[in-house]
Protein backbone atom coordinates (compact mmCIF):
# COMPACT_ATOMS: atom_id res chain seq x y z
CA MET A 1 0.00 0.00 0.00
CA SER A 2 1.47 3.35 -1.02
CA ILE A 3 1.07 6.59 0.89
CA ASP A 4 2.46 10.10 0.77
CA PRO A 5 5.54 10.21 3.11
CA ASN A 6 4.36 13.41 4.79
CA GLU A 7 0.95 11.92 5.53
CA PHE A 8 2.59 8.70 6.79
CA PHE A 9 4.85 10.71 9.10
CA ARG A 10 1.95 12.81 10.42
CA GLN A 11 -0.36 9.87 11.13
CA ALA A 12 2.36 7.75 12.73
CA ALA A 13 3.77 10.62 14.82
CA VAL A 14 0.30 11.43 16.17
CA ARG A 15 0.03 7.84 17.40
CA ILE A 16 3.58 7.68 18.78
CA CYS A 17 3.13 10.86 20.82
CA GLY A 18 -0.59 10.47 21.47
CA SER A 19 -0.37 8.82 24.88
CA LEU A 20 1.68 9.17 28.05
CA ASP A 21 1.56 5.38 28.27
CA VAL A 22 4.42 4.48 25.92
CA GLU A 23 3.25 0.87 25.48
CA LYS A 24 -0.19 2.08 24.37
CA ALA A 25 1.52 4.55 22.01
CA LEU A 26 3.63 1.71 20.53
CA MET A 27 0.56 -0.46 20.07
CA ASP A 28 -1.34 2.35 18.32
CA CYS A 29 1.64 3.03 16.07
CA LEU A 30 2.18 -0.66 15.30
CA GLY A 31 -1.47 -1.03 14.35
CA TYR A 32 -1.03 1.82 11.88
CA ILE A 33 2.37 1.16 10.28
CA LYS A 34 1.73 -2.58 9.70
CA ASP A 35 -0.23 -1.58 6.61
CA TYR A 36 2.90 0.00 5.12
CA ILE A 37 5.78 -1.84 6.83
CA PRO A 38 5.59 -5.58 7.61
CA ALA A 39 5.45 -5.67 11.41
CA ASP A 40 3.82 -7.66 14.18
CA TYR A 41 6.18 -6.82 17.08
CA MET A 42 7.94 -3.64 18.16
CA ASP A 43 10.02 -2.73 21.20
CA MET A 44 12.23 0.07 22.57
CA CYS A 45 15.42 -0.94 24.38
CA ILE A 46 18.26 0.63 26.34
CA PHE A 47 21.77 -0.78 26.62
CA VAL A 48 22.90 -1.96 30.07
CA PRO A 49 26.73 -1.88 29.88
CA GLU A 50 27.25 -3.70 33.19
CA ALA A 51 25.54 -6.81 31.78
CA ASN A 52 26.09 -6.26 28.02
CA VAL A 53 22.38 -6.65 27.32
CA LEU A 54 19.52 -4.68 25.83
CA LYS A 55 16.70 -4.08 28.29
CA PRO A 56 13.25 -3.43 26.79
CA VAL A 57 11.59 -0.28 28.11
CA ALA A 58 8.30 -0.88 26.30
CA ALA A 59 6.92 -3.34 23.74
CA ALA A 60 3.83 -3.94 21.59
CA SER A 61 2.77 -7.17 19.89
CA LEU A 62 0.10 -8.19 17.40
CA CYS A 63 1.05 -11.87 17.51
CA GLY A 64 0.91 -12.57 21.24
CA GLU A 65 4.68 -12.46 21.71
CA GLU A 66 5.69 -11.41 25.22
CA LYS A 67 8.21 -8.66 25.89
CA SER A 68 11.71 -10.09 26.29
CA ASP A 69 13.32 -9.59 29.66
CA LEU A 70 16.90 -9.10 28.44
CA ILE A 71 18.47 -9.39 24.98
CA PRO A 72 22.21 -10.24 24.87
CA VAL A 73 24.45 -8.01 22.74
CA VAL A 74 26.92 -10.26 20.95
CA ALA A 75 30.12 -8.84 19.49
CA GLY A 76 32.17 -10.15 16.63
CA GLU A 77 35.81 -11.15 16.92
CA GLY A 78 37.99 -8.33 18.27
CA GLN A 79 34.99 -6.25 19.38
CA SER A 80 33.22 -5.65 22.66
CA PRO A 81 29.44 -5.42 23.20
CA LEU A 82 29.89 -1.77 24.23
CA ALA A 83 31.73 -1.03 20.99
CA VAL A 84 28.93 -2.73 19.04
CA TRP A 85 26.41 -0.49 20.77
CA GLU A 86 28.39 2.72 20.38
CA ASN A 87 29.20 2.08 16.69
CA MET A 88 25.78 0.77 15.71
CA GLU A 89 24.55 1.81 12.30
CA GLU A 90 21.70 4.26 11.99
CA ILE A 91 19.47 1.42 10.83
CA PHE A 92 20.14 -2.16 9.75
CA VAL A 93 18.10 -5.14 8.57
CA VAL A 94 18.39 -8.83 9.46
CA ASN A 95 16.22 -10.79 7.04
CA ARG A 96 17.76 -14.21 7.84
CA PRO A 97 18.68 -14.47 11.56
CA ARG A 98 20.34 -17.89 11.22
CA GLU A 99 22.83 -16.45 8.72
CA ASP A 100 23.79 -13.51 10.97
CA PRO A 101 26.33 -14.91 13.50
CA CYS A 102 25.77 -12.25 16.17
CA VAL A 103 21.97 -12.40 16.03
CA TYR A 104 21.94 -16.22 15.97
CA LYS A 105 24.38 -16.36 18.91
CA ALA A 106 22.03 -14.04 20.86
CA LEU A 107 19.12 -16.38 20.07
CA GLN A 108 21.17 -19.32 21.38
CA LEU A 109 21.99 -17.47 24.59
CA MET A 110 18.27 -16.80 25.03
CA GLY A 111 17.41 -20.45 24.32
CA LYS A 112 15.51 -19.47 21.16
CA GLU A 113 17.83 -20.81 18.45
CA ASP A 114 14.87 -22.63 16.81
CA ASP A 115 12.76 -19.45 16.74
CA ASP A 116 14.58 -17.95 13.78
CA ASP A 117 11.68 -17.59 11.34
CA PHE A 118 11.47 -13.81 11.45
CA SER A 119 12.87 -10.65 9.91
CA LEU A 120 14.20 -7.75 11.97
CA ILE A 121 14.90 -4.02 11.62
CA VAL A 122 16.93 -2.25 14.32
CA MET A 123 17.01 1.57 14.33
CA ARG A 124 19.28 3.64 16.53
CA LEU A 125 17.52 6.33 18.59
CA ASP A 126 19.42 9.58 19.24
CA LEU A 127 18.14 12.83 20.70
CA GLN A 128 20.14 16.06 20.73
CA GLY A 129 23.31 14.16 19.86
CA ARG A 130 22.92 11.64 22.69
CA ARG A 131 22.33 7.91 22.24
CA ILE A 132 19.24 6.98 24.24
CA GLY A 133 18.21 3.58 22.90
CA ALA A 134 17.16 1.46 19.94
CA LEU A 135 13.89 0.53 18.25
CA GLY A 136 13.34 -3.02 17.09
CA VAL A 137 10.63 -3.99 14.56
CA SER A 138 10.11 -7.63 13.64
CA VAL A 139 7.69 -9.72 11.62
CA THR A 140 7.17 -13.45 11.17
CA GLY A 141 8.93 -14.91 8.14
CA THR A 142 12.30 -14.34 6.49
CA ASP A 143 13.16 -11.87 3.72
CA ARG A 144 10.23 -9.62 4.63
CA PHE A 145 11.95 -6.22 4.66
CA ARG A 146 12.96 -4.18 1.62
CA PRO A 147 14.86 -0.86 1.36
CA GLU A 148 11.66 1.19 1.09
CA HIS A 149 10.60 -0.14 4.49
CA THR A 150 13.76 1.15 6.18
CA GLU A 151 13.30 4.51 4.44
CA MET A 152 9.78 4.83 5.83
CA LEU A 153 10.87 3.80 9.33
CA LEU A 154 13.70 6.35 9.27
CA LEU A 155 11.06 9.08 8.86
CA LEU A 156 9.84 8.20 12.36
CA ARG A 157 13.25 8.16 14.05
CA GLU A 158 12.85 11.48 15.87
CA PRO A 159 9.27 10.86 17.15
CA PHE A 160 10.37 7.44 18.44
CA ALA A 161 13.42 9.03 20.12
CA ILE A 162 11.20 11.63 21.82
CA ALA A 163 8.78 8.91 22.99
CA MET A 164 11.74 6.88 24.29
CA SER A 165 13.14 9.89 26.18
CA ASN A 166 9.73 10.60 27.72
CA ALA A 167 9.36 6.95 28.74
CA LEU A 168 12.74 6.96 30.48
CA LYS A 169 11.92 10.20 32.29
CA HIS A 170 8.56 8.80 33.35
CA GLN A 171 10.23 5.67 34.70
CA GLU A 172 12.66 7.84 36.67
CA VAL A 173 9.75 9.84 38.11
CA VAL A 174 8.01 6.59 39.10
CA ARG A 175 11.24 5.34 40.69
CA LEU A 176 11.68 8.54 42.68
CA LYS A 177 8.02 8.44 43.72
CA ASP A 178 8.51 4.89 45.00
CA LEU A 179 11.56 6.07 46.93
CA LEU A 180 9.54 8.92 48.44
CA ASP A 181 6.78 6.49 49.36
CA ASP A 182 9.35 4.26 51.05
CA ASP A 183 10.83 7.27 52.87
CA ASN A 184 7.36 8.32 53.96
CA ARG A 185 6.57 4.84 55.29
CA PHE A 186 9.90 4.87 57.14
CA LEU A 187 9.21 8.29 58.64
CA GLN A 188 5.69 7.27 59.64
CA THR A 189 7.20 4.23 61.36
CA GLN A 190 9.63 6.50 63.18
CA ILE A 191 6.77 8.74 64.28
CA ARG A 192 4.88 5.73 65.61
CA GLU A 193 7.97 4.64 67.49
CA LEU A 194 8.20 8.10 69.05
CA SER A 195 4.56 8.25 70.08
CA GLY A 196 2.00 6.48 72.21
CA ALA A 197 3.29 3.70 74.40
CA ASP A 198 6.88 4.41 73.27
CA ILE A 199 6.91 7.74 75.10
CA VAL A 200 9.03 7.03 78.14
CA GLY A 201 7.32 8.39 81.25
CA ALA A 202 3.81 8.26 79.78
CA ASP A 203 2.63 6.33 82.84
CA PHE A 204 4.67 8.28 85.41
CA GLY A 205 6.04 11.82 85.17
CA LEU A 206 4.22 12.57 81.90
CA ARG A 207 0.93 10.92 82.83
CA GLU A 208 -1.00 14.21 83.06
CA VAL A 209 0.62 15.49 79.86
CA MET A 210 -0.37 12.33 77.96
CA THR A 211 -3.93 12.63 79.26
CA GLN A 212 -4.13 16.14 77.81
CA ILE A 213 -2.59 15.01 74.52
CA ARG A 214 -5.07 12.19 74.11
CA GLN A 215 -7.91 14.62 74.81
CA VAL A 216 -6.89 17.17 72.16
CA ALA A 217 -5.29 14.93 69.51
CA PRO A 218 -8.55 13.82 67.77
CA LEU A 219 -9.52 17.48 67.24
CA ASP A 220 -8.09 20.05 64.83
CA SER A 221 -7.58 22.74 67.46
CA PRO A 222 -4.13 24.37 67.66
CA VAL A 223 -1.91 23.15 70.50
CA VAL A 224 0.93 25.02 72.18
CA LEU A 225 3.58 22.91 73.93
CA LEU A 226 5.34 24.87 76.66
CA GLY A 227 8.45 23.86 78.54
CA GLU A 228 12.17 24.26 78.85
CA THR A 229 14.60 23.33 76.11
CA GLY A 230 15.18 19.58 75.84
CA VAL A 231 12.02 18.32 77.58
CA GLY A 232 10.81 16.43 74.47
CA LYS A 233 8.38 18.81 72.80
CA GLU A 234 9.05 17.35 69.34
CA VAL A 235 8.29 13.81 70.54
CA LEU A 236 4.99 14.93 72.03
CA ALA A 237 4.09 16.90 68.89
CA ALA A 238 4.62 13.68 66.91
CA ALA A 239 2.37 11.88 69.38
CA ILE A 240 -0.41 14.43 68.82
CA HIS A 241 -0.12 13.82 65.08
CA GLU A 242 -0.10 10.04 65.49
CA PHE A 243 -3.17 10.03 67.75
CA SER A 244 -5.12 12.25 65.32
CA HIS A 245 -7.16 11.44 62.22
CA ARG A 246 -4.33 13.08 60.24
CA ARG A 247 -1.86 10.32 61.08
CA ARG A 248 -1.66 9.21 57.43
CA GLY A 249 -0.86 12.75 56.31
CA PRO A 250 2.50 14.54 56.46
CA PHE A 251 4.13 15.67 59.68
CA ILE A 252 6.25 18.72 58.80
CA LYS A 253 8.71 20.10 61.37
CA VAL A 254 9.88 23.72 61.29
CA ASN A 255 12.49 25.20 63.63
CA CYS A 256 11.48 28.85 63.50
CA GLY A 257 14.69 29.96 65.17
CA ALA A 258 16.95 28.20 62.63
CA ILE A 259 15.66 29.93 59.47
CA PRO A 260 17.27 33.28 58.52
CA GLU A 261 14.83 36.16 58.70
CA THR A 262 15.32 36.94 54.99
CA LEU A 263 14.29 33.41 53.99
CA ILE A 264 11.53 32.65 56.47
CA ASP A 265 8.62 33.75 54.23
CA SER A 266 9.91 31.64 51.35
CA GLU A 267 10.52 28.61 53.60
CA LEU A 268 7.13 28.75 55.31
CA PHE A 269 4.87 29.90 52.46
CA GLY A 270 6.85 29.10 49.30
CA HIS A 271 7.60 31.35 46.35
CA GLU A 272 6.81 31.73 42.68
CA LYS A 273 9.39 31.56 39.93
CA GLY A 274 11.11 34.94 39.61
CA ALA A 275 9.75 36.24 42.92
CA PHE A 276 13.29 37.33 43.88
CA THR A 277 16.85 36.90 42.70
CA GLY A 278 17.67 33.20 42.72
CA ALA A 279 14.02 32.03 42.59
CA LEU A 280 14.60 29.93 39.46
CA ALA A 281 11.53 27.75 39.96
CA ARG A 282 8.31 27.62 41.92
CA LYS A 283 8.78 26.22 45.42
CA ARG A 284 6.20 24.87 47.83
CA GLY A 285 6.58 26.10 51.39
CA ARG A 286 6.33 24.06 54.59
CA PHE A 287 2.64 24.95 55.11
CA GLU A 288 1.74 23.78 51.61
CA ARG A 289 3.68 20.54 52.09
CA ALA A 290 1.82 19.94 55.37
CA ASP A 291 -1.57 19.99 53.61
CA GLY A 292 -3.72 17.19 54.99
CA GLY A 293 -1.43 16.70 57.97
CA THR A 294 0.24 18.52 60.86
CA ILE A 295 2.82 21.29 60.91
CA PHE A 296 5.00 21.56 64.01
CA LEU A 297 6.31 25.10 64.60
CA ASP A 298 9.14 24.69 67.09
CA GLU A 299 10.48 27.81 68.87
CA ILE A 300 7.58 29.89 67.61
CA GLY A 301 8.66 32.72 69.89
CA GLU A 302 11.60 33.33 67.51
CA LEU A 303 9.34 34.30 64.60
CA PRO A 304 9.98 37.89 63.41
CA PRO A 305 7.01 40.30 63.44
CA GLN A 306 6.36 40.11 59.69
CA ALA A 307 6.18 36.32 59.75
CA GLN A 308 3.82 36.52 62.75
CA VAL A 309 1.42 38.62 60.63
CA ARG A 310 1.43 36.04 57.83
CA LEU A 311 1.03 33.16 60.29
CA LEU A 312 -1.99 34.90 61.82
CA HIS A 313 -3.52 35.03 58.33
CA VAL A 314 -2.97 31.28 57.91
CA VAL A 315 -4.50 30.50 61.32
CA GLN A 316 -7.54 32.69 60.62
CA ARG A 317 -8.30 31.81 57.00
CA ARG A 318 -6.58 28.46 56.46
CA GLU A 319 -4.92 29.73 53.30
CA ILE A 320 -1.46 30.89 52.27
CA GLU A 321 -0.01 33.06 49.52
CA ARG A 322 3.38 32.29 48.03
CA VAL A 323 5.99 35.03 47.89
CA GLY A 324 5.48 36.74 44.53
CA GLY A 325 2.07 35.09 44.08
CA SER A 326 -1.33 36.66 43.83
CA GLU A 327 -3.68 33.71 44.30
CA PRO A 328 -4.53 32.35 47.78
CA ILE A 329 -3.87 28.64 48.24
CA PRO A 330 -6.14 26.80 50.71
CA VAL A 331 -4.39 24.48 53.16
CA ASP A 332 -5.91 21.84 55.42
CA ILE A 333 -3.50 21.74 58.35
CA ARG A 334 -3.32 21.27 62.08
CA ILE A 335 -0.86 23.59 63.87
CA VAL A 336 1.17 22.44 66.84
CA ALA A 337 3.49 25.12 68.20
CA ALA A 338 6.19 24.91 70.85
CA THR A 339 8.39 27.33 72.74
CA HIS A 340 10.62 27.51 75.79
CA ARG A 341 9.91 31.24 76.12
CA ASN A 342 7.27 32.95 78.24
CA LEU A 343 4.96 34.04 75.42
CA GLU A 344 2.54 35.83 77.76
CA ARG A 345 5.36 38.06 78.94
CA MET A 346 6.49 38.58 75.33
CA VAL A 347 2.95 39.64 74.45
CA ALA A 348 2.90 42.10 77.35
CA GLU A 349 6.26 43.51 76.18
CA GLY A 350 5.09 43.81 72.57
CA ARG A 351 7.48 41.17 71.23
CA PHE A 352 4.76 38.71 70.19
CA ARG A 353 1.43 39.55 68.58
CA GLU A 354 -1.43 39.38 71.05
CA ASP A 355 -4.01 38.33 68.43
CA LEU A 356 -1.76 35.49 67.22
CA TRP A 357 -1.20 34.33 70.80
CA PHE A 358 -4.95 34.25 71.44
CA ARG A 359 -5.49 32.20 68.25
CA LEU A 360 -2.80 29.66 69.16
CA ASN A 361 -3.28 29.46 72.92
CA ILE A 362 -6.47 27.41 72.77
CA PHE A 363 -5.01 24.32 74.39
CA PRO A 364 -1.63 24.90 76.05
CA VAL A 365 0.24 21.86 77.40
CA TRP A 366 2.97 22.41 79.98
CA ILE A 367 5.73 19.78 79.89
CA PRO A 368 7.52 19.54 83.25
CA PRO A 369 11.35 19.60 83.26
CA LEU A 370 13.23 16.42 84.05
CA ARG A 371 14.19 17.62 87.56
CA GLU A 372 10.44 17.60 88.41
CA ARG A 373 9.89 14.03 87.18
CA LYS A 374 12.96 12.18 88.32
CA GLU A 375 10.97 8.96 88.60
CA ASP A 376 11.31 8.80 84.79
CA ILE A 377 15.13 8.81 84.82
CA PRO A 378 15.64 5.01 85.23
CA ALA A 379 13.27 4.21 82.35
CA LEU A 380 14.83 6.95 80.19
CA VAL A 381 18.34 5.65 80.86
CA HIS A 382 17.42 2.09 79.88
CA HIS A 383 15.59 3.41 76.78
CA PHE A 384 18.64 5.42 75.66
CA ILE A 385 20.98 2.49 76.33
CA GLN A 386 18.94 0.32 73.95
CA GLN A 387 18.58 3.08 71.37
CA LYS A 388 22.24 4.08 71.37
CA ALA A 389 23.39 0.47 71.28
CA ARG A 390 21.57 0.11 67.94
CA GLU A 391 22.92 3.41 66.61
CA LEU A 392 26.50 2.64 67.72
CA LYS A 393 26.15 -0.94 66.40
CA LEU A 394 27.18 -2.50 69.70
CA SER A 395 26.90 -6.27 70.06
CA GLY A 396 25.35 -6.03 73.52
CA TYR A 397 24.03 -3.63 76.13
CA PRO A 398 26.45 -2.15 78.69
CA VAL A 399 25.44 -2.42 82.33
CA LEU A 400 24.96 0.24 84.97
CA PRO A 401 27.31 0.10 87.97
CA PRO A 402 25.83 0.16 91.51
CA GLY A 403 24.69 3.62 92.57
CA ALA A 404 24.68 5.03 89.02
CA LEU A 405 20.92 5.67 88.88
CA GLU A 406 20.95 7.39 92.28
CA ARG A 407 23.77 9.62 91.09
CA LEU A 408 21.88 10.49 87.90
CA LYS A 409 18.70 11.23 89.87
CA ALA A 410 20.62 13.56 92.18
CA TYR A 411 21.71 15.76 89.27
CA ALA A 412 19.55 18.79 88.34
CA TRP A 413 19.59 18.20 84.54
CA PRO A 414 19.34 21.80 83.30
CA GLY A 415 19.43 20.43 79.73
CA ASN A 416 16.58 18.02 80.54
CA VAL A 417 16.01 14.82 78.54
CA ARG A 418 18.33 15.90 75.74
CA GLU A 419 21.21 16.32 78.18
CA LEU A 420 20.46 12.90 79.70
CA GLU A 421 20.46 11.33 76.22
CA ASN A 422 23.83 12.91 75.39
CA THR A 423 25.23 11.82 78.75
CA VAL A 424 24.21 8.20 78.17
CA GLU A 425 25.68 8.21 74.65
CA ARG A 426 28.94 9.70 75.91
CA ALA A 427 29.14 7.11 78.67
CA MET A 428 28.52 4.28 76.18
CA ILE A 429 31.31 5.54 73.94
CA ARG A 430 33.66 5.71 76.94
CA SER A 431 32.42 2.52 78.60
CA ARG A 432 35.07 0.11 79.84
CA ASP A 433 34.50 -3.65 79.85
CA GLY A 434 30.78 -3.14 79.15
CA VAL A 435 30.23 -0.98 82.27
CA LEU A 436 28.90 2.56 81.96
CA VAL A 437 30.85 5.30 83.68
CA PHE A 438 29.18 8.68 84.25
CA ASP A 439 32.26 10.72 85.18
CA ALA A 440 30.93 13.70 83.23
CA VAL A 441 27.84 14.18 85.44
CA GLN A 442 28.67 17.22 87.52
CA GLY A 443 26.75 20.24 88.69
CA PRO A 444 24.18 21.35 91.24
CA ARG A 445 22.17 18.85 93.26
CA ASN A 446 18.40 18.88 93.80
CA GLY A 447 17.70 22.18 95.53
CA ALA A 448 20.65 23.96 93.97
CA GLY A 449 19.41 22.95 90.54
CA GLN A 450 16.06 24.55 91.17
CA ASP A 451 17.76 27.74 92.38
CA ALA A 452 19.89 27.74 89.25
CA ALA A 453 16.80 27.31 87.10
CA ALA A 454 15.13 30.21 88.89
CA SER A 455 18.23 32.35 88.33
CA GLU A 456 18.21 31.35 84.66
CA GLU A 457 14.57 32.38 84.41
CA ARG A 458 15.46 35.85 85.75
CA PHE A 459 18.49 36.25 83.46
CA SER A 460 17.83 38.70 80.62
CA SER A 461 18.14 37.52 77.03
CA PHE A 462 20.56 39.10 74.57
CA ASP A 463 17.71 40.87 72.76
CA GLU A 464 16.39 42.28 76.03
CA VAL A 465 19.82 43.68 76.91
CA ALA A 466 20.22 45.06 73.37
CA ALA A 467 16.79 46.70 73.50
CA ALA A 468 17.57 48.33 76.86
CA HIS A 469 20.92 49.59 75.53
CA ILE A 470 19.31 51.10 72.43
CA ARG A 471 16.62 52.81 74.53
CA LYS A 472 19.28 54.26 76.79
CA ALA A 473 21.12 55.65 73.74
CA LEU A 474 17.87 57.11 72.38
CA GLU A 475 17.12 58.73 75.72
CA THR A 476 20.62 60.23 75.83
CA ALA A 477 20.24 61.48 72.23
CA GLY A 478 16.80 62.94 72.91
CA GLY A 479 15.16 60.50 70.51
CA LYS A 480 17.47 61.43 67.64
CA VAL A 481 18.61 58.44 65.56
CA ASN A 482 21.06 59.83 62.99
CA GLY A 483 23.28 62.88 62.71
CA ALA A 484 25.75 64.34 65.21
CA GLY A 485 24.99 63.20 68.73
CA GLY A 486 22.35 60.76 67.49
CA ALA A 487 21.80 57.28 68.91
CA ALA A 488 23.48 55.67 65.88
CA GLU A 489 26.65 57.68 66.48
CA LEU A 490 26.63 56.85 70.19
CA LEU A 491 26.27 53.14 69.41
CA GLY A 492 28.76 53.14 66.53
CA LEU A 493 26.16 51.89 64.04
CA HIS A 494 24.96 53.04 60.64
CA PRO A 495 21.57 54.79 61.07
CA ASN A 496 19.85 52.34 58.71
CA THR A 497 21.28 49.38 60.63
CA LEU A 498 20.05 50.85 63.90
CA ARG A 499 16.55 51.46 62.46
CA LYS A 500 16.36 47.83 61.27
CA ARG A 501 17.33 46.57 64.72
CA MET A 502 14.82 48.88 66.36
CA LEU A 503 12.11 47.60 64.00
CA ARG A 504 12.99 43.99 64.78
CA LEU A 505 13.05 44.67 68.52
CA GLY A 506 9.78 46.58 68.40
CA ILE A 507 11.33 49.94 69.43
CA PRO A 508 9.52 52.90 67.83
CA PHE A 509 11.51 55.62 66.11
CA GLY A 510 10.57 58.96 64.69
CA ARG A 511 8.37 61.50 66.43
CA GLY A 512 7.81 60.57 70.08
CA THR A 513 10.83 58.28 70.28
CA ALA A 514 12.44 60.09 73.18
CA HIS A 515 9.25 59.96 75.20
CA SER A 516 8.81 56.23 74.41
CA ALA A 517 12.39 55.48 75.36
CA SER A 518 12.33 57.44 78.59
CA SER A 519 8.96 56.11 79.68
CA SER A 520 9.93 52.46 79.15
CA THR A 521 10.04 50.63 82.46
CA GLY A 522 12.42 47.90 81.35
CA PRO A 523 14.15 46.15 78.49
CA SER A 524 10.93 45.30 76.71
CA GLY A 525 10.33 45.13 72.99
CA ALA A 526 12.97 42.49 72.25
CA ALA A 527 12.10 39.82 69.72
């Protein structure tokens, strides 16, 4: 059957590129070209150099032939399979397989030496100067292909190469998706291990905390976890997620104090391509990635004022807007926040938005420090010994010497559970003859530890000291920021730098600054 080459190319190309399913596309194309080129089987293959074989990526058959698993590449004398592949002709025909030594040897290696009643065309597939694979077309019977058939097939070389490239990319996407699914299952397993019955102290020092968590977890209300650094807020946030109906959704952790202020909007809410220098592609933020699950905002007291405004919008409307975007994006999330700071005092001092605090502080959960639940220390020690033994790949568990637990319980643990975990790991690394030695445990005992904690509570933060220092300079300068005798000159700062710090610390400048500075009763306004 004769046909105009342009019409043949157009009809075949439409079928080759007409489906994302490359095997369906091959079948549609095979059903069309068989009227012009003898064909009842077609496949696309890639070369696997480690095994010297061709591996089919996709295949289509009109005769019931199954796709081959692997096809050996046989080289002639003085050649290697890789050289055969790299120097393959643009297209070649094998009309009598038994008379072609390389093809017949491949059939023997496949155990198909008697299945030689076919003709074969192999066409090299290149795209943008890069070898990506080969197309094989076969038909039952020998001497079936003529030169005009190879000429027609060559017309379709580029569409087949594009389809091959798309198939390989799709397979890579599927592979990466499978990896992500595996990672997600692994992370979900880790979350389950960190929650529920695996929370050490759930039946003792954390009994009241776990009761509160089980009460609030099934709901979508925001939760604020309060407590000193190292008490296990992240573990309890994971427990809230695991006990909720969102357990199959993502659990996204954000350390608000670890993200630079200039990047925090992009990290939390995402950005559009071209939103700022370096934004080469659209990026989903943490809130968008948490859709359908839980977002854990650790150290929420470290959020700068601008980010607090945007977070308030998310809490109120359940929608975000990417940096550089104009369309709101709805998000279905549950917010769990945590902080070691006194947020009520920060609200009173103007360092944390009052309206945001009211929105988040629906169900606060106070987590007691380790010095107030010392009955949990023995269980925690044994838990960390087992955990660290796995991580350190130890063959057995080291033992505790007599009096070790009493000594650990007598220590104040200002770093809480995290400090205890590090102490156990350090002791296991330094253990002698399988016996743990806690030489590094030093510091205040019971009552002294509580006094130290109280002193730490009264100790001013760096931002509080900085805010007080700036206010003192403003008062001395009569509220003047720049110029001779201004606060910037007194502090040795550029006026713009000082204004930025004042803005971050919540210190007003401009008209009325002197009065505000002089009337301040303390180092408030720090962020």
